[in-house]
Each structure stands twice: as structure tokens, then as C-alpha cells.
Amino acid sequence: MALYQKVSELTDSVNQREQFSLGEQMRRAALSISSNIAEGTGREGDKEAKYFFNIAKGSIYEVVSLLYIMKEKGYLKAQEHEVLYEQCDEIAKMLSGLLSK
């Protein structure tokens, strides 16, 4: 949820022209991470839980891709990008651990 908050703040800086496409896509992808982790955690069976954890992991990589685009477009400084990238990487590692159970 902390990642979503940071992404939400970041996307507020996107210009009006790209707000709906780039900004909204990034917010939805970041929100999908915590939502699918929560849904997977609430499932009874491992197979169902892993399904949602896999969706969350895919959303992490979507956020990472969008972070690179935001950096290239000048909305994100290199240091900010690194911090957010590492946060995404940490979440992906935790999900990998959950998926290997």
C-alpha cells in the first residue's frame, strides 16, 4: 500500500495530456499489487492464492516498466526511480517466496 501511495503522488506530476493514459495506468497497476496480495491471502486454497499472487507479481513488472517511462519523460529523477524500483523488487521477492511454498 505504501508503494501505491508513492506512485499516486508521483503521477500527480504528469501533465494533463498524459494524466489519463500514463498516470492512470500506473495508479491502476500499483493498486492491483496490494489488492491481489490481499485477495490471494484471503483465499482458502494454495492454487487460488498463487493465482492472485502471480497477478500481483505481473502488476509489479508493469509498474517497473512505467517507472522507466516516467524517468525517461523527466517525471522521475534517477534517485527516486532507484528507490521505487528497489521497493518493487522487494515486493517481487516476497511474492516469489509465497509462490514457491
PDB file of N, CA and C in Angstrom:
ATOM      1  N   MET A   1       0.824  -1.191   0.000  1.00  0.00           N
ATOM      2  CA  MET A   1       0.000   0.000   0.000  1.00  0.00           C
ATOM      3  C   MET A   1       0.867   1.253   0.000  1.00  0.00           C
ATOM      4  N   ALA A   2       2.046   1.165   0.623  1.00  0.00           N
ATOM      5  CA  ALA A   2       2.967   2.306   0.625  1.00  0.00           C
ATOM      6  C   ALA A   2       3.429   2.618  -0.791  1.00  0.00           C
ATOM      7  N   LEU A   3       3.662   1.582  -1.587  1.00  0.00           N
ATOM      8  CA  LEU A   3       4.070   1.793  -2.975  1.00  0.00           C
ATOM      9  C   LEU A   3       2.969   2.530  -3.735  1.00  0.00           C
ATOM     10  N   TYR A   4       1.719   2.138  -3.526  1.00  0.00           N
ATOM     11  CA  TYR A   4       0.611   2.809  -4.202  1.00  0.00           C
ATOM     12  C   TYR A   4       0.582   4.291  -3.834  1.00  0.00           C
ATOM     13  N   GLN A   5       0.795   4.598  -2.562  1.00  0.00           N
ATOM     14  CA  GLN A   5       0.774   5.993  -2.116  1.00  0.00           C
ATOM     15  C   GLN A   5       1.862   6.799  -2.830  1.00  0.00           C
ATOM     16  N   LYS A   6       3.062   6.244  -2.913  1.00  0.00           N
ATOM     17  CA  LYS A   6       4.161   6.936  -3.593  1.00  0.00           C
ATOM     18  C   LYS A   6       3.866   7.111  -5.081  1.00  0.00           C
ATOM     19  N   VAL A   7       3.337   6.070  -5.699  1.00  0.00           N
ATOM     20  CA  VAL A   7       3.005   6.134  -7.126  1.00  0.00           C
ATOM     21  C   VAL A   7       1.908   7.168  -7.363  1.00  0.00           C
ATOM     22  N   SER A   8       0.937   7.201  -6.492  1.00  0.00           N
ATOM     23  CA  SER A   8      -0.153   8.159  -6.618  1.00  0.00           C
ATOM     24  C   SER A   8       0.371   9.599  -6.544  1.00  0.00           C
ATOM     25  N   GLU A   9       1.270   9.841  -5.617  1.00  0.00           N
ATOM     26  CA  GLU A   9       1.875  11.174  -5.506  1.00  0.00           C
ATOM     27  C   GLU A   9       2.689  11.497  -6.762  1.00  0.00           C
ATOM     28  N   LEU A  10       3.442  10.540  -7.238  1.00  0.00           N
ATOM     29  CA  LEU A  10       4.272  10.732  -8.426  1.00  0.00           C
ATOM     30  C   LEU A  10       3.424  11.055  -9.646  1.00  0.00           C
ATOM     31  N   THR A  11       2.351  10.325  -9.836  1.00  0.00           N
ATOM     32  CA  THR A  11       1.546  10.501 -11.046  1.00  0.00           C
ATOM     33  C   THR A  11       0.779  11.814 -11.040  1.00  0.00           C
ATOM     34  N   ASP A  12       0.665  12.447  -9.901  1.00  0.00           N
ATOM     35  CA  ASP A  12       0.043  13.773  -9.869  1.00  0.00           C
ATOM     36  C   ASP A  12       0.870  14.792 -10.655  1.00  0.00           C
ATOM     37  N   SER A  13       2.166  14.507 -10.856  1.00  0.00           N
ATOM     38  CA  SER A  13       3.044  15.432 -11.577  1.00  0.00           C
ATOM     39  C   SER A  13       2.958  15.273 -13.092  1.00  0.00           C
ATOM     40  N   VAL A  14       2.256  14.251 -13.561  1.00  0.00           N
ATOM     41  CA  VAL A  14       2.145  14.001 -15.000  1.00  0.00           C
ATOM     42  C   VAL A  14       1.271  15.090 -15.625  1.00  0.00           C
ATOM     43  N   ASN A  15       1.698  15.570 -16.785  1.00  0.00           N
ATOM     44  CA  ASN A  15       0.923  16.641 -17.427  1.00  0.00           C
ATOM     45  C   ASN A  15      -0.470  16.158 -17.818  1.00  0.00           C
ATOM     46  N   GLN A  16      -1.344  17.109 -18.030  1.00  0.00           N
ATOM     47  CA  GLN A  16      -2.757  16.826 -18.317  1.00  0.00           C
ATOM     48  C   GLN A  16      -2.920  15.881 -19.508  1.00  0.00           C
ATOM     49  N   ARG A  17      -2.117  16.063 -20.524  1.00  0.00           N
ATOM     50  CA  ARG A  17      -2.232  15.259 -21.739  1.00  0.00           C
ATOM     51  C   ARG A  17      -1.981  13.777 -21.465  1.00  0.00           C
ATOM     52  N   GLU A  18      -1.048  13.486 -20.554  1.00  0.00           N
ATOM     53  CA  GLU A  18      -0.693  12.094 -20.260  1.00  0.00           C
ATOM     54  C   GLU A  18      -1.294  11.591 -18.945  1.00  0.00           C
ATOM     55  N   GLN A  19      -2.055  12.421 -18.278  1.00  0.00           N
ATOM     56  CA  GLN A  19      -2.603  12.046 -16.982  1.00  0.00           C
ATOM     57  C   GLN A  19      -3.478  10.796 -17.079  1.00  0.00           C
ATOM     58  N   PHE A  20      -4.351  10.758 -18.064  1.00  0.00           N
ATOM     59  CA  PHE A  20      -5.258   9.618 -18.150  1.00  0.00           C
ATOM     60  C   PHE A  20      -4.530   8.356 -18.572  1.00  0.00           C
ATOM     61  N   SER A  21      -3.670   8.455 -19.584  1.00  0.00           N
ATOM     62  CA  SER A  21      -3.013   7.246 -20.074  1.00  0.00           C
ATOM     63  C   SER A  21      -1.894   6.786 -19.140  1.00  0.00           C
ATOM     64  N   LEU A  22      -0.854   7.552 -19.022  1.00  0.00           N
ATOM     65  CA  LEU A  22       0.309   7.149 -18.240  1.00  0.00           C
ATOM     66  C   LEU A  22       0.027   7.179 -16.736  1.00  0.00           C
ATOM     67  N   GLY A  23      -0.511   8.276 -16.264  1.00  0.00           N
ATOM     68  CA  GLY A  23      -0.771   8.415 -14.830  1.00  0.00           C
ATOM     69  C   GLY A  23      -1.774   7.400 -14.306  1.00  0.00           C
ATOM     70  N   GLU A  24      -2.874   7.295 -15.001  1.00  0.00           N
ATOM     71  CA  GLU A  24      -3.931   6.374 -14.551  1.00  0.00           C
ATOM     72  C   GLU A  24      -3.497   4.919 -14.666  1.00  0.00           C
ATOM     73  N   GLN A  25      -2.774   4.577 -15.721  1.00  0.00           N
ATOM     74  CA  GLN A  25      -2.290   3.205 -15.892  1.00  0.00           C
ATOM     75  C   GLN A  25      -1.359   2.813 -14.746  1.00  0.00           C
ATOM     76  N   MET A  26      -0.486   3.743 -14.374  1.00  0.00           N
ATOM     77  CA  MET A  26       0.464   3.457 -13.299  1.00  0.00           C
ATOM     78  C   MET A  26      -0.258   3.319 -11.951  1.00  0.00           C
ATOM     79  N   ARG A  27      -1.231   4.175 -11.703  1.00  0.00           N
ATOM     80  CA  ARG A  27      -2.004   4.063 -10.447  1.00  0.00           C
ATOM     81  C   ARG A  27      -2.758   2.736 -10.379  1.00  0.00           C
ATOM     82  N   ARG A  28      -3.376   2.356 -11.493  1.00  0.00           N
ATOM     83  CA  ARG A  28      -4.131   1.090 -11.506  1.00  0.00           C
ATOM     84  C   ARG A  28      -3.214  -0.104 -11.286  1.00  0.00           C
ATOM     85  N   ALA A  29      -2.044  -0.090 -11.918  1.00  0.00           N
ATOM     86  CA  ALA A  29      -1.099  -1.206 -11.762  1.00  0.00           C
ATOM     87  C   ALA A  29      -0.616  -1.293 -10.317  1.00  0.00           C
ATOM     88  N   ALA A  30      -0.294  -0.149  -9.715  1.00  0.00           N
ATOM     89  CA  ALA A  30       0.175  -0.137  -8.318  1.00  0.00           C
ATOM     90  C   ALA A  30      -0.928  -0.585  -7.360  1.00  0.00           C
ATOM     91  N   LEU A  31      -2.149  -0.158  -7.619  1.00  0.00           N
ATOM     92  CA  LEU A  31      -3.276  -0.576  -6.785  1.00  0.00           C
ATOM     93  C   LEU A  31      -3.532  -2.070  -6.922  1.00  0.00           C
ATOM     94  N   SER A  32      -3.317  -2.596  -8.114  1.00  0.00           N
ATOM     95  CA  SER A  32      -3.519  -4.021  -8.366  1.00  0.00           C
ATOM     96  C   SER A  32      -2.588  -4.892  -7.519  1.00  0.00           C
ATOM     97  N   ILE A  33      -1.404  -4.389  -7.230  1.00  0.00           N
ATOM     98  CA  ILE A  33      -0.438  -5.168  -6.442  1.00  0.00           C
ATOM     99  C   ILE A  33      -1.012  -5.483  -5.068  1.00  0.00           C
ATOM    100  N   SER A  34      -1.345  -4.448  -4.312  1.00  0.00           N
ATOM    101  CA  SER A  34      -1.838  -4.691  -2.952  1.00  0.00           C
ATOM    102  C   SER A  34      -3.207  -5.373  -2.958  1.00  0.00           C
ATOM    103  N   SER A  35      -4.041  -5.054  -3.930  1.00  0.00           N
ATOM    104  CA  SER A  35      -5.370  -5.673  -3.997  1.00  0.00           C
ATOM    105  C   SER A  35      -5.275  -7.174  -4.237  1.00  0.00           C
ATOM    106  N   ASN A  36      -4.397  -7.583  -5.151  1.00  0.00           N
ATOM    107  CA  ASN A  36      -4.270  -9.013  -5.447  1.00  0.00           C
ATOM    108  C   ASN A  36      -3.538  -9.770  -4.349  1.00  0.00           C
ATOM    109  N   ILE A  37      -2.610  -9.121  -3.661  1.00  0.00           N
ATOM    110  CA  ILE A  37      -1.981  -9.762  -2.498  1.00  0.00           C
ATOM    111  C   ILE A  37      -3.038 -10.006  -1.426  1.00  0.00           C
ATOM    112  N   ALA A  38      -3.861  -9.015  -1.187  1.00  0.00           N
ATOM    113  CA  ALA A  38      -4.925  -9.164  -0.185  1.00  0.00           C
ATOM    114  C   ALA A  38      -5.901 -10.265  -0.589  1.00  0.00           C
ATOM    115  N   GLU A  39      -6.298 -10.279  -1.845  1.00  0.00           N
ATOM    116  CA  GLU A  39      -7.245 -11.299  -2.294  1.00  0.00           C
ATOM    117  C   GLU A  39      -6.641 -12.691  -2.215  1.00  0.00           C
ATOM    118  N   GLY A  40      -5.375 -12.829  -2.610  1.00  0.00           N
ATOM    119  CA  GLY A  40      -4.711 -14.128  -2.526  1.00  0.00           C
ATOM    120  C   GLY A  40      -4.585 -14.612  -1.093  1.00  0.00           C
ATOM    121  N   THR A  41      -4.297 -13.683  -0.188  1.00  0.00           N
ATOM    122  CA  THR A  41      -4.163 -14.031   1.223  1.00  0.00           C
ATOM    123  C   THR A  41      -5.488 -14.527   1.795  1.00  0.00           C
ATOM    124  N   GLY A  42      -6.574 -13.995   1.273  1.00  0.00           N
ATOM    125  CA  GLY A  42      -7.889 -14.377   1.773  1.00  0.00           C
ATOM    126  C   GLY A  42      -8.446 -15.665   1.193  1.00  0.00           C
ATOM    127  N   ARG A  43      -7.757 -16.241   0.260  1.00  0.00           N
ATOM    128  CA  ARG A  43      -8.237 -17.475  -0.373  1.00  0.00           C
ATOM    129  C   ARG A  43      -7.881 -18.692   0.465  1.00  0.00           C
ATOM    130  N   GLU A  44      -8.728 -19.701   0.384  1.00  0.00           N
ATOM    131  CA  GLU A  44      -8.538 -20.917   1.174  1.00  0.00           C
ATOM    132  C   GLU A  44      -7.449 -21.832   0.611  1.00  0.00           C
ATOM    133  N   GLY A  45      -7.466 -22.039  -0.690  1.00  0.00           N
ATOM    134  CA  GLY A  45      -6.526 -22.993  -1.276  1.00  0.00           C
ATOM    135  C   GLY A  45      -5.269 -22.338  -1.810  1.00  0.00           C
ATOM    136  N   ASP A  46      -4.188 -23.107  -1.822  1.00  0.00           N
ATOM    137  CA  ASP A  46      -2.911 -22.608  -2.322  1.00  0.00           C
ATOM    138  C   ASP A  46      -2.984 -22.247  -3.809  1.00  0.00           C
ATOM    139  N   LYS A  47      -3.700 -23.047  -4.572  1.00  0.00           N
ATOM    140  CA  LYS A  47      -3.791 -22.793  -6.005  1.00  0.00           C
ATOM    141  C   LYS A  47      -4.441 -21.435  -6.275  1.00  0.00           C
ATOM    142  N   GLU A  48      -5.528 -21.159  -5.566  1.00  0.00           N
ATOM    143  CA  GLU A  48      -6.204 -19.867  -5.731  1.00  0.00           C
ATOM    144  C   GLU A  48      -5.315 -18.720  -5.264  1.00  0.00           C
ATOM    145  N   ALA A  49      -4.673 -18.887  -4.136  1.00  0.00           N
ATOM    146  CA  ALA A  49      -3.802 -17.843  -3.599  1.00  0.00           C
ATOM    147  C   ALA A  49      -2.676 -17.533  -4.583  1.00  0.00           C
ATOM    148  N   LYS A  50      -2.064 -18.571  -5.122  1.00  0.00           N
ATOM    149  CA  LYS A  50      -0.953 -18.378  -6.058  1.00  0.00           C
ATOM    150  C   LYS A  50      -1.408 -17.667  -7.326  1.00  0.00           C
ATOM    151  N   TYR A  51      -2.623 -17.920  -7.740  1.00  0.00           N
ATOM    152  CA  TYR A  51      -3.170 -17.228  -8.913  1.00  0.00           C
ATOM    153  C   TYR A  51      -3.127 -15.712  -8.701  1.00  0.00           C
ATOM    154  N   PHE A  52      -3.613 -15.265  -7.555  1.00  0.00           N
ATOM    155  CA  PHE A  52      -3.643 -13.829  -7.270  1.00  0.00           C
ATOM    156  C   PHE A  52      -2.249 -13.265  -6.999  1.00  0.00           C
ATOM    157  N   PHE A  53      -1.382 -14.045  -6.382  1.00  0.00           N
ATOM    158  CA  PHE A  53      -0.006 -13.593  -6.164  1.00  0.00           C
ATOM    159  C   PHE A  53       0.717 -13.418  -7.502  1.00  0.00           C
ATOM    160  N   ASN A  54       0.422 -14.290  -8.467  1.00  0.00           N
ATOM    161  CA  ASN A  54       1.007 -14.152  -9.804  1.00  0.00           C
ATOM    162  C   ASN A  54       0.516 -12.890 -10.506  1.00  0.00           C
ATOM    163  N   ILE A  55      -0.758 -12.580 -10.343  1.00  0.00           N
ATOM    164  CA  ILE A  55      -1.289 -11.343 -10.924  1.00  0.00           C
ATOM    165  C   ILE A  55      -0.590 -10.140 -10.289  1.00  0.00           C
ATOM    166  N   ALA A  56      -0.418 -10.174  -8.968  1.00  0.00           N
ATOM    167  CA  ALA A  56       0.264  -9.080  -8.271  1.00  0.00           C
ATOM    168  C   ALA A  56       1.693  -8.931  -8.781  1.00  0.00           C
ATOM    169  N   LYS A  57       2.368 -10.044  -8.992  1.00  0.00           N
ATOM    170  CA  LYS A  57       3.747 -10.001  -9.494  1.00  0.00           C
ATOM    171  C   LYS A  57       3.798  -9.395 -10.896  1.00  0.00           C
ATOM    172  N   GLY A  58       2.857  -9.751 -11.726  1.00  0.00           N
ATOM    173  CA  GLY A  58       2.781  -9.150 -13.056  1.00  0.00           C
ATOM    174  C   GLY A  58       2.561  -7.651 -12.986  1.00  0.00           C
ATOM    175  N   SER A  59       1.746  -7.215 -12.047  1.00  0.00           N
ATOM    176  CA  SER A  59       1.492  -5.782 -11.878  1.00  0.00           C
ATOM    177  C   SER A  59       2.741  -5.049 -11.406  1.00  0.00           C
ATOM    178  N   ILE A  60       3.562  -5.728 -10.616  1.00  0.00           N
ATOM    179  CA  ILE A  60       4.827  -5.113 -10.187  1.00  0.00           C
ATOM    180  C   ILE A  60       5.683  -4.812 -11.411  1.00  0.00           C
ATOM    181  N   TYR A  61       5.799  -5.765 -12.320  1.00  0.00           N
ATOM    182  CA  TYR A  61       6.614  -5.562 -13.505  1.00  0.00           C
ATOM    183  C   TYR A  61       6.014  -4.490 -14.420  1.00  0.00           C
ATOM    184  N   GLU A  62       4.703  -4.371 -14.402  1.00  0.00           N
ATOM    185  CA  GLU A  62       4.062  -3.289 -15.149  1.00  0.00           C
ATOM    186  C   GLU A  62       4.459  -1.939 -14.549  1.00  0.00           C
ATOM    187  N   VAL A  63       4.437  -1.840 -13.232  1.00  0.00           N
ATOM    188  CA  VAL A  63       4.852  -0.600 -12.560  1.00  0.00           C
ATOM    189  C   VAL A  63       6.313  -0.295 -12.882  1.00  0.00           C
ATOM    190  N   VAL A  64       7.173  -1.312 -12.838  1.00  0.00           N
ATOM    191  CA  VAL A  64       8.596  -1.110 -13.144  1.00  0.00           C
ATOM    192  C   VAL A  64       8.749  -0.541 -14.554  1.00  0.00           C
ATOM    193  N   SER A  65       8.043  -1.097 -15.509  1.00  0.00           N
ATOM    194  CA  SER A  65       8.101  -0.605 -16.885  1.00  0.00           C
ATOM    195  C   SER A  65       7.662   0.854 -16.957  1.00  0.00           C
ATOM    196  N   LEU A  66       6.584   1.170 -16.286  1.00  0.00           N
ATOM    197  CA  LEU A  66       6.074   2.540 -16.288  1.00  0.00           C
ATOM    198  C   LEU A  66       7.015   3.496 -15.556  1.00  0.00           C
ATOM    199  N   LEU A  67       7.717   2.992 -14.540  1.00  0.00           N
ATOM    200  CA  LEU A  67       8.705   3.831 -13.849  1.00  0.00           C
ATOM    201  C   LEU A  67       9.814   4.247 -14.806  1.00  0.00           C
ATOM    202  N   TYR A  68      10.258   3.315 -15.651  1.00  0.00           N
ATOM    203  CA  TYR A  68      11.282   3.651 -16.647  1.00  0.00           C
ATOM    204  C   TYR A  68      10.765   4.712 -17.624  1.00  0.00           C
ATOM    205  N   ILE A  69       9.530   4.590 -18.035  1.00  0.00           N
ATOM    206  CA  ILE A  69       8.942   5.574 -18.940  1.00  0.00           C
ATOM    207  C   ILE A  69       8.869   6.939 -18.249  1.00  0.00           C
ATOM    208  N   MET A  70       8.422   6.939 -16.988  1.00  0.00           N
ATOM    209  CA  MET A  70       8.329   8.195 -16.230  1.00  0.00           C
ATOM    210  C   MET A  70       9.707   8.847 -16.086  1.00  0.00           C
ATOM    211  N   LYS A  71      10.723   8.030 -15.869  1.00  0.00           N
ATOM    212  CA  LYS A  71      12.092   8.552 -15.748  1.00  0.00           C
ATOM    213  C   LYS A  71      12.541   9.154 -17.074  1.00  0.00           C
ATOM    214  N   GLU A  72      12.310   8.445 -18.170  1.00  0.00           N
ATOM    215  CA  GLU A  72      12.715   8.922 -19.489  1.00  0.00           C
ATOM    216  C   GLU A  72      11.993  10.211 -19.877  1.00  0.00           C
ATOM    217  N   LYS A  73      10.771  10.372 -19.435  1.00  0.00           N
ATOM    218  CA  LYS A  73       9.998  11.566 -19.760  1.00  0.00           C
ATOM    219  C   LYS A  73      10.302  12.729 -18.812  1.00  0.00           C
ATOM    220  N   GLY A  74      11.130  12.482 -17.810  1.00  0.00           N
ATOM    221  CA  GLY A  74      11.527  13.546 -16.903  1.00  0.00           C
ATOM    222  C   GLY A  74      10.617  13.768 -15.709  1.00  0.00           C
ATOM    223  N   TYR A  75       9.679  12.868 -15.489  1.00  0.00           N
ATOM    224  CA  TYR A  75       8.784  12.994 -14.338  1.00  0.00           C
ATOM    225  C   TYR A  75       9.413  12.426 -13.062  1.00  0.00           C
ATOM    226  N   LEU A  76      10.506  11.721 -13.218  1.00  0.00           N
ATOM    227  CA  LEU A  76      11.114  10.989 -12.110  1.00  0.00           C
ATOM    228  C   LEU A  76      12.631  11.112 -12.195  1.00  0.00           C
ATOM    229  N   LYS A  77      13.244  11.541 -11.113  1.00  0.00           N
ATOM    230  CA  LYS A  77      14.704  11.643 -11.062  1.00  0.00           C
ATOM    231  C   LYS A  77      15.293  10.248 -10.858  1.00  0.00           C
ATOM    232  N   ALA A  78      16.559  10.091 -11.229  1.00  0.00           N
ATOM    233  CA  ALA A  78      17.231   8.784 -11.142  1.00  0.00           C
ATOM    234  C   ALA A  78      17.176   8.217  -9.725  1.00  0.00           C
ATOM    235  N   GLN A  79      17.403   9.045  -8.727  1.00  0.00           N
ATOM    236  CA  GLN A  79      17.393   8.567  -7.337  1.00  0.00           C
ATOM    237  C   GLN A  79      15.989   8.122  -6.917  1.00  0.00           C
ATOM    238  N   GLU A  80      14.977   8.876  -7.309  1.00  0.00           N
ATOM    239  CA  GLU A  80      13.591   8.494  -6.995  1.00  0.00           C
ATOM    240  C   GLU A  80      13.245   7.179  -7.690  1.00  0.00           C
ATOM    241  N   HIS A  81      13.698   7.057  -8.936  1.00  0.00           N
ATOM    242  CA  HIS A  81      13.456   5.834  -9.692  1.00  0.00           C
ATOM    243  C   HIS A  81      14.073   4.634  -8.974  1.00  0.00           C
ATOM    244  N   GLU A  82      15.302   4.794  -8.515  1.00  0.00           N
ATOM    245  CA  GLU A  82      16.010   3.704  -7.831  1.00  0.00           C
ATOM    246  C   GLU A  82      15.267   3.259  -6.571  1.00  0.00           C
ATOM    247  N   VAL A  83      14.784   4.218  -5.793  1.00  0.00           N
ATOM    248  CA  VAL A  83      14.056   3.895  -4.558  1.00  0.00           C
ATOM    249  C   VAL A  83      12.782   3.113  -4.876  1.00  0.00           C
ATOM    250  N   LEU A  84      12.025   3.585  -5.852  1.00  0.00           N
ATOM    251  CA  LEU A  84      10.782   2.899  -6.216  1.00  0.00           C
ATOM    252  C   LEU A  84      11.055   1.542  -6.853  1.00  0.00           C
ATOM    253  N   TYR A  85      12.098   1.480  -7.673  1.00  0.00           N
ATOM    254  CA  TYR A  85      12.470   0.200  -8.285  1.00  0.00           C
ATOM    255  C   TYR A  85      12.829  -0.818  -7.204  1.00  0.00           C
ATOM    256  N   GLU A  86      13.617  -0.410  -6.226  1.00  0.00           N
ATOM    257  CA  GLU A  86      14.002  -1.329  -5.151  1.00  0.00           C
ATOM    258  C   GLU A  86      12.797  -1.765  -4.332  1.00  0.00           C
ATOM    259  N   GLN A  87      11.848  -0.870  -4.138  1.00  0.00           N
ATOM    260  CA  GLN A  87      10.629  -1.246  -3.417  1.00  0.00           C
ATOM    261  C   GLN A  87       9.854  -2.298  -4.215  1.00  0.00           C
ATOM    262  N   CYS A  88       9.759  -2.105  -5.515  1.00  0.00           N
ATOM    263  CA  CYS A  88       9.088  -3.092  -6.365  1.00  0.00           C
ATOM    264  C   CYS A  88       9.833  -4.424  -6.330  1.00  0.00           C
ATOM    265  N   ASP A  89      11.152  -4.362  -6.395  1.00  0.00           N
ATOM    266  CA  ASP A  89      11.965  -5.572  -6.370  1.00  0.00           C
ATOM    267  C   ASP A  89      11.769  -6.345  -5.066  1.00  0.00           C
ATOM    268  N   GLU A  90      11.691  -5.643  -3.966  1.00  0.00           N
ATOM    269  CA  GLU A  90      11.485  -6.291  -2.665  1.00  0.00           C
ATOM    270  C   GLU A  90      10.119  -6.990  -2.609  1.00  0.00           C
ATOM    271  N   ILE A  91       9.099  -6.323  -3.107  1.00  0.00           N
ATOM    272  CA  ILE A  91       7.762  -6.929  -3.134  1.00  0.00           C
ATOM    273  C   ILE A  91       7.765  -8.161  -4.040  1.00  0.00           C
ATOM    274  N   ALA A  92       8.434  -8.068  -5.187  1.00  0.00           N
ATOM    275  CA  ALA A  92       8.512  -9.206  -6.109  1.00  0.00           C
ATOM    276  C   ALA A  92       9.210 -10.390  -5.446  1.00  0.00           C
ATOM    277  N   LYS A  93      10.260 -10.133  -4.680  1.00  0.00           N
ATOM    278  CA  LYS A  93      10.966 -11.218  -3.971  1.00  0.00           C
ATOM    279  C   LYS A  93      10.054 -11.865  -2.933  1.00  0.00           C
ATOM    280  N   MET A  94       9.303 -11.052  -2.214  1.00  0.00           N
ATOM    281  CA  MET A  94       8.378 -11.618  -1.210  1.00  0.00           C
ATOM    282  C   MET A  94       7.330 -12.484  -1.900  1.00  0.00           C
ATOM    283  N   LEU A  95       6.818 -12.015  -3.025  1.00  0.00           N
ATOM    284  CA  LEU A  95       5.827 -12.803  -3.760  1.00  0.00           C
ATOM    285  C   LEU A  95       6.437 -14.089  -4.294  1.00  0.00           C
ATOM    286  N   SER A  96       7.660 -14.034  -4.749  1.00  0.00           N
ATOM    287  CA  SER A  96       8.330 -15.248  -5.213  1.00  0.00           C
ATOM    288  C   SER A  96       8.427 -16.269  -4.095  1.00  0.00           C
ATOM    289  N   GLY A  97       8.685 -15.785  -2.889  1.00  0.00           N
ATOM    290  CA  GLY A  97       8.718 -16.670  -1.729  1.00  0.00           C
ATOM    291  C   GLY A  97       7.363 -17.309  -1.473  1.00  0.00           C
ATOM    292  N   LEU A  98       6.316 -16.516  -1.570  1.00  0.00           N
ATOM    293  CA  LEU A  98       4.952 -17.042  -1.377  1.00  0.00           C
ATOM    294  C   LEU A  98       4.599 -18.039  -2.480  1.00  0.00           C
ATOM    295  N   LEU A  99       5.040 -17.777  -3.681  1.00  0.00           N
ATOM    296  CA  LEU A  99       4.725 -18.665  -4.804  1.00  0.00           C
ATOM    297  C   LEU A  99       5.502 -19.969  -4.762  1.00  0.00           C
ATOM    298  N   SER A 100       6.627 -19.980  -4.077  1.00  0.00           N
ATOM    299  CA  SER A 100       7.427 -21.209  -4.036  1.00  0.00           C
ATOM    300  C   SER A 100       7.013 -22.136  -2.900  1.00  0.00           C
ATOM    301  N   LYS A 101       6.064 -21.703  -2.095  1.00  0.00           N
ATOM    302  CA  LYS A 101       5.587 -22.558  -0.985  1.00  0.00           C
ATOM    303  C   LYS A 101       4.851 -23.767  -1.504  1.00  0.00           C
TER     304      LYS A 101
END
